N, C-alpha and C. Protein backbone atom coordinates (compact mmCIF):
# COMPACT_ATOMS: atom_id res chain seq x y z
N UNK A 1 211.07 129.64 22.08
CA UNK A 1 210.40 130.88 22.41
C UNK A 1 209.41 131.21 21.30
N UNK A 2 208.27 131.71 21.68
CA UNK A 2 207.28 132.13 20.69
C UNK A 2 207.85 133.27 19.87
N UNK A 3 207.64 133.29 18.60
CA UNK A 3 208.20 134.32 17.73
C UNK A 3 207.24 135.50 17.57
N UNK A 4 205.98 135.20 17.36
CA UNK A 4 205.00 136.26 17.16
C UNK A 4 203.78 135.90 17.99
N UNK A 5 203.25 136.87 18.69
CA UNK A 5 202.04 136.61 19.45
C UNK A 5 202.26 136.79 20.93
N UNK A 6 201.80 135.81 21.71
CA UNK A 6 201.86 135.94 23.16
C UNK A 6 203.17 135.36 23.69
N UNK A 7 203.61 135.90 24.79
CA UNK A 7 204.85 135.48 25.44
C UNK A 7 204.56 135.17 26.90
N UNK A 8 205.36 134.28 27.47
CA UNK A 8 205.26 134.05 28.91
C UNK A 8 205.83 135.27 29.62
N UNK A 9 205.60 135.35 30.90
CA UNK A 9 206.16 136.46 31.67
C UNK A 9 207.67 136.50 31.60
N UNK A 10 208.31 135.33 31.72
CA UNK A 10 209.77 135.27 31.65
C UNK A 10 210.28 135.72 30.28
N UNK A 11 209.64 135.28 29.22
CA UNK A 11 210.05 135.69 27.87
C UNK A 11 209.90 137.18 27.67
N UNK A 12 208.78 137.73 28.11
CA UNK A 12 208.54 139.16 27.96
C UNK A 12 209.56 139.97 28.75
N UNK A 13 209.84 139.55 29.98
CA UNK A 13 210.84 140.26 30.79
C UNK A 13 212.21 140.21 30.15
N UNK A 14 212.60 139.06 29.62
CA UNK A 14 213.91 138.90 28.97
C UNK A 14 214.01 139.81 27.73
N UNK A 15 212.94 139.86 26.95
CA UNK A 15 212.93 140.71 25.75
C UNK A 15 213.00 142.18 26.12
N UNK A 16 212.18 142.59 27.06
CA UNK A 16 212.16 144.01 27.44
C UNK A 16 213.47 144.44 28.07
N UNK A 17 214.06 143.56 28.89
CA UNK A 17 215.35 143.88 29.51
C UNK A 17 216.44 144.00 28.44
N UNK A 18 216.40 143.13 27.44
CA UNK A 18 217.39 143.18 26.38
C UNK A 18 217.24 144.46 25.56
N UNK A 19 216.03 144.93 25.38
CA UNK A 19 215.80 146.13 24.58
C UNK A 19 215.95 147.43 25.37
N UNK A 20 216.12 147.32 26.68
CA UNK A 20 216.20 148.50 27.54
C UNK A 20 217.63 149.06 27.57
N UNK A 21 218.27 149.11 26.43
CA UNK A 21 219.64 149.61 26.33
C UNK A 21 219.78 150.28 24.97
N UNK A 22 220.27 151.51 24.93
CA UNK A 22 220.36 152.22 23.65
C UNK A 22 221.27 151.53 22.63
N UNK A 23 222.35 150.91 23.08
CA UNK A 23 223.24 150.22 22.13
C UNK A 23 222.52 149.04 21.49
N UNK A 24 221.73 148.32 22.27
CA UNK A 24 221.03 147.17 21.72
C UNK A 24 219.95 147.59 20.74
N UNK A 25 219.30 148.72 21.00
CA UNK A 25 218.34 149.25 20.03
C UNK A 25 219.06 149.61 18.73
N UNK A 26 220.24 150.20 18.83
CA UNK A 26 221.02 150.54 17.64
C UNK A 26 221.44 149.27 16.88
N UNK A 27 221.78 148.22 17.60
CA UNK A 27 222.16 146.96 16.96
C UNK A 27 220.99 146.39 16.18
N UNK A 28 219.81 146.36 16.80
CA UNK A 28 218.61 145.88 16.10
C UNK A 28 218.37 146.72 14.84
N UNK A 29 218.49 148.03 14.98
CA UNK A 29 218.27 148.92 13.83
C UNK A 29 219.30 148.65 12.73
N UNK A 30 220.56 148.43 13.11
CA UNK A 30 221.61 148.18 12.12
C UNK A 30 221.42 146.84 11.42
N UNK A 31 220.79 145.88 12.09
CA UNK A 31 220.58 144.56 11.50
C UNK A 31 219.25 144.46 10.75
N UNK A 32 218.41 145.45 10.87
CA UNK A 32 217.09 145.39 10.24
C UNK A 32 217.17 145.27 8.72
N UNK A 33 218.10 145.96 8.04
CA UNK A 33 218.16 145.78 6.58
C UNK A 33 218.59 144.37 6.17
N UNK A 34 219.30 143.66 7.04
CA UNK A 34 219.76 142.32 6.72
C UNK A 34 220.91 141.91 7.60
N UNK A 35 221.33 140.68 7.45
CA UNK A 35 222.38 140.14 8.31
C UNK A 35 223.72 140.83 8.06
N UNK A 36 224.58 140.74 9.08
CA UNK A 36 225.89 141.37 8.99
C UNK A 36 226.84 140.59 9.88
N UNK A 37 228.13 140.67 9.59
CA UNK A 37 229.09 139.98 10.44
C UNK A 37 229.64 140.93 11.48
N UNK A 38 230.13 140.36 12.57
CA UNK A 38 230.45 141.12 13.77
C UNK A 38 231.45 142.24 13.52
N UNK A 39 232.54 141.97 12.83
CA UNK A 39 233.55 143.01 12.62
C UNK A 39 232.98 144.21 11.87
N UNK A 40 232.21 143.95 10.82
CA UNK A 40 231.61 145.05 10.05
C UNK A 40 230.59 145.80 10.90
N UNK A 41 229.79 145.07 11.64
CA UNK A 41 228.78 145.69 12.49
C UNK A 41 229.43 146.57 13.55
N UNK A 42 230.52 146.09 14.15
CA UNK A 42 231.24 146.88 15.16
C UNK A 42 231.76 148.18 14.54
N UNK A 43 232.29 148.12 13.33
CA UNK A 43 232.77 149.33 12.66
C UNK A 43 231.63 150.30 12.39
N UNK A 44 230.52 149.77 11.90
CA UNK A 44 229.37 150.62 11.59
C UNK A 44 228.83 151.32 12.84
N UNK A 45 228.83 150.61 13.97
CA UNK A 45 228.27 151.16 15.20
C UNK A 45 229.30 151.94 16.02
N UNK A 46 230.57 151.78 15.68
CA UNK A 46 231.61 152.50 16.41
C UNK A 46 231.85 151.96 17.82
N UNK A 47 231.68 150.65 18.00
CA UNK A 47 231.95 150.04 19.31
C UNK A 47 232.91 148.86 19.11
N UNK A 48 233.53 148.46 20.19
CA UNK A 48 234.49 147.35 20.11
C UNK A 48 233.77 146.03 19.87
N UNK A 49 234.47 145.08 19.28
CA UNK A 49 233.88 143.76 19.05
C UNK A 49 233.52 143.06 20.36
N UNK A 50 234.38 143.11 21.39
CA UNK A 50 233.99 142.46 22.66
C UNK A 50 232.69 143.03 23.25
N UNK A 51 232.56 144.36 23.20
CA UNK A 51 231.34 144.97 23.72
C UNK A 51 230.15 144.59 22.85
N UNK A 52 230.33 144.59 21.54
CA UNK A 52 229.26 144.18 20.63
C UNK A 52 228.83 142.75 20.92
N UNK A 53 229.80 141.86 21.11
CA UNK A 53 229.46 140.46 21.43
C UNK A 53 228.63 140.36 22.70
N UNK A 54 228.96 141.14 23.71
CA UNK A 54 228.16 141.11 24.95
C UNK A 54 226.71 141.49 24.68
N UNK A 55 226.53 142.56 23.90
CA UNK A 55 225.17 142.99 23.56
C UNK A 55 224.46 141.95 22.70
N UNK A 56 225.17 141.39 21.72
CA UNK A 56 224.57 140.38 20.85
C UNK A 56 224.17 139.13 21.62
N UNK A 57 224.97 138.75 22.60
CA UNK A 57 224.63 137.59 23.43
C UNK A 57 223.33 137.83 24.18
N UNK A 58 223.18 139.03 24.71
CA UNK A 58 221.95 139.37 25.45
C UNK A 58 220.75 139.36 24.52
N UNK A 59 220.91 139.92 23.32
CA UNK A 59 219.82 139.93 22.35
C UNK A 59 219.49 138.52 21.86
N UNK A 60 220.52 137.71 21.69
CA UNK A 60 220.30 136.33 21.23
C UNK A 60 219.60 135.51 22.31
N UNK A 61 219.99 135.70 23.57
CA UNK A 61 219.35 134.98 24.68
C UNK A 61 217.87 135.34 24.79
N UNK A 62 217.53 136.56 24.39
CA UNK A 62 216.13 137.00 24.43
C UNK A 62 215.37 136.59 23.17
N UNK A 63 216.06 135.98 22.22
CA UNK A 63 215.41 135.53 21.00
C UNK A 63 215.18 136.63 19.98
N UNK A 64 215.89 137.75 20.12
CA UNK A 64 215.68 138.88 19.22
C UNK A 64 216.61 138.86 18.01
N UNK A 65 217.75 138.21 18.13
CA UNK A 65 218.67 138.04 17.01
C UNK A 65 219.13 136.58 17.00
N UNK A 66 219.64 136.16 15.86
CA UNK A 66 220.23 134.83 15.79
C UNK A 66 221.57 134.94 15.07
N UNK A 67 222.50 134.10 15.49
CA UNK A 67 223.83 134.13 14.92
C UNK A 67 224.22 132.81 14.31
N UNK A 68 225.02 132.88 13.25
CA UNK A 68 225.54 131.68 12.60
C UNK A 68 227.02 131.90 12.31
N UNK A 69 227.79 130.84 12.46
CA UNK A 69 229.22 130.88 12.17
C UNK A 69 229.43 130.32 10.77
N UNK A 70 230.14 131.09 9.95
CA UNK A 70 230.40 130.68 8.58
C UNK A 70 231.87 130.87 8.26
N UNK A 71 232.36 130.12 7.29
CA UNK A 71 233.74 130.26 6.83
C UNK A 71 233.77 131.11 5.57
N UNK A 72 234.70 132.08 5.55
CA UNK A 72 234.86 132.90 4.35
C UNK A 72 235.65 132.10 3.31
N UNK A 73 235.77 132.65 2.12
CA UNK A 73 236.50 131.98 1.04
C UNK A 73 237.95 131.72 1.41
N UNK A 74 238.52 132.59 2.25
CA UNK A 74 239.93 132.40 2.64
C UNK A 74 240.07 131.60 3.94
N UNK A 75 238.98 131.00 4.41
CA UNK A 75 239.05 130.11 5.56
C UNK A 75 238.87 130.77 6.91
N UNK A 76 238.58 132.06 6.96
CA UNK A 76 238.36 132.74 8.24
C UNK A 76 236.94 132.46 8.74
N UNK A 77 236.84 132.26 10.05
CA UNK A 77 235.53 132.09 10.67
C UNK A 77 234.89 133.46 10.84
N UNK A 78 233.66 133.59 10.38
CA UNK A 78 232.94 134.86 10.49
C UNK A 78 231.59 134.59 11.14
N UNK A 79 231.29 135.36 12.17
CA UNK A 79 230.01 135.22 12.86
C UNK A 79 229.04 136.25 12.31
N UNK A 80 227.96 135.77 11.71
CA UNK A 80 226.91 136.62 11.17
C UNK A 80 225.73 136.65 12.13
N UNK A 81 225.10 137.81 12.22
CA UNK A 81 223.88 137.95 13.02
C UNK A 81 222.80 138.57 12.17
N UNK A 82 221.57 138.21 12.49
CA UNK A 82 220.41 138.80 11.84
C UNK A 82 219.28 138.92 12.86
N UNK A 83 218.36 139.82 12.58
CA UNK A 83 217.22 140.00 13.47
C UNK A 83 216.28 138.80 13.29
N UNK A 84 215.85 138.25 14.41
CA UNK A 84 214.86 137.17 14.40
C UNK A 84 213.48 137.81 14.29
N UNK A 85 212.55 137.15 13.61
CA UNK A 85 211.20 137.73 13.53
C UNK A 85 210.55 137.75 14.91
N UNK A 86 210.08 138.91 15.30
CA UNK A 86 209.36 139.02 16.57
C UNK A 86 208.37 140.16 16.49
N UNK A 87 207.35 140.07 17.29
CA UNK A 87 206.35 141.12 17.39
C UNK A 87 205.85 141.12 18.82
N UNK A 88 205.90 142.26 19.45
CA UNK A 88 205.45 142.38 20.84
C UNK A 88 204.37 143.45 20.90
N UNK A 89 203.20 143.06 21.33
CA UNK A 89 202.14 144.02 21.55
C UNK A 89 202.01 144.22 23.05
N UNK A 90 202.25 145.44 23.49
CA UNK A 90 202.14 145.74 24.92
C UNK A 90 200.85 146.50 25.17
N UNK A 91 199.96 145.84 25.80
CA UNK A 91 198.74 146.47 26.27
C UNK A 91 198.39 145.78 27.59
N UNK A 92 197.44 146.30 28.32
CA UNK A 92 197.13 145.70 29.62
C UNK A 92 196.78 144.21 29.55
N UNK A 93 196.06 143.80 28.52
CA UNK A 93 195.68 142.38 28.41
C UNK A 93 196.91 141.50 28.17
N UNK A 94 197.83 141.93 27.30
CA UNK A 94 199.04 141.15 27.02
C UNK A 94 199.91 141.05 28.27
N UNK A 95 200.02 142.14 29.01
CA UNK A 95 200.81 142.12 30.24
C UNK A 95 200.16 141.21 31.28
N UNK A 96 198.84 141.28 31.39
CA UNK A 96 198.14 140.43 32.36
C UNK A 96 198.33 138.95 32.01
N UNK A 97 198.26 138.61 30.73
CA UNK A 97 198.44 137.22 30.31
C UNK A 97 199.87 136.76 30.62
N UNK A 98 200.85 137.60 30.35
CA UNK A 98 202.24 137.24 30.63
C UNK A 98 202.47 137.14 32.14
N UNK A 99 201.92 138.08 32.90
CA UNK A 99 202.11 138.07 34.34
C UNK A 99 201.51 136.83 34.99
N UNK A 100 200.45 136.32 34.41
CA UNK A 100 199.80 135.12 34.96
C UNK A 100 200.70 133.89 34.90
N UNK A 101 201.72 133.93 34.06
CA UNK A 101 202.63 132.78 33.93
C UNK A 101 203.82 132.88 34.87
N UNK A 102 203.98 134.00 35.55
CA UNK A 102 205.11 134.19 36.46
C UNK A 102 204.86 133.48 37.78
N UNK A 103 205.92 132.97 38.41
CA UNK A 103 205.75 132.37 39.73
C UNK A 103 205.28 133.44 40.73
N UNK A 104 204.51 133.00 41.68
CA UNK A 104 204.01 133.94 42.70
C UNK A 104 205.15 134.32 43.63
N UNK A 105 205.34 135.62 43.81
CA UNK A 105 206.38 136.14 44.71
C UNK A 105 205.66 137.04 45.71
N UNK A 106 205.54 136.55 46.91
CA UNK A 106 204.82 137.32 47.93
C UNK A 106 205.76 138.14 48.81
N UNK A 107 207.00 138.34 48.35
CA UNK A 107 207.94 139.15 49.08
C UNK A 107 208.77 138.39 50.08
N UNK A 108 208.52 137.09 50.27
CA UNK A 108 209.26 136.33 51.25
C UNK A 108 210.73 136.21 50.89
N UNK A 109 211.06 136.20 49.61
CA UNK A 109 212.46 136.09 49.19
C UNK A 109 213.25 137.29 49.68
N UNK A 110 212.66 138.49 49.61
CA UNK A 110 213.34 139.68 50.08
C UNK A 110 213.46 139.69 51.60
N UNK A 111 212.42 139.23 52.28
CA UNK A 111 212.43 139.26 53.74
C UNK A 111 213.44 138.28 54.31
N UNK A 112 213.75 137.20 53.59
CA UNK A 112 214.67 136.21 54.13
C UNK A 112 216.14 136.61 53.97
N UNK A 113 216.40 137.71 53.27
CA UNK A 113 217.79 138.14 53.08
C UNK A 113 218.32 138.89 54.26
């Protein structure tokens, strides 16, 4: 996925959908100062680890965060996440360029249901 600059329509839709949730915006904000591990991040945000993992998976699939598994000194597996570098400029030209990469949908998919 492109990190900075132009995005395909699919990439832009995935990113915007991932960011269209208040918890995910809070996660990005909490990770902005630097990487953090899941248990600590869940405590800071006041949400359960399973719910946090669901949000992190969505953000990671959109290329907005990245995760790494590391072993602590006592041998525990710890999953760290950090914000991936990204920049999205939304203006009519950027949207038109992204939309041009989307497959043509003339409504036939809906009519066939």
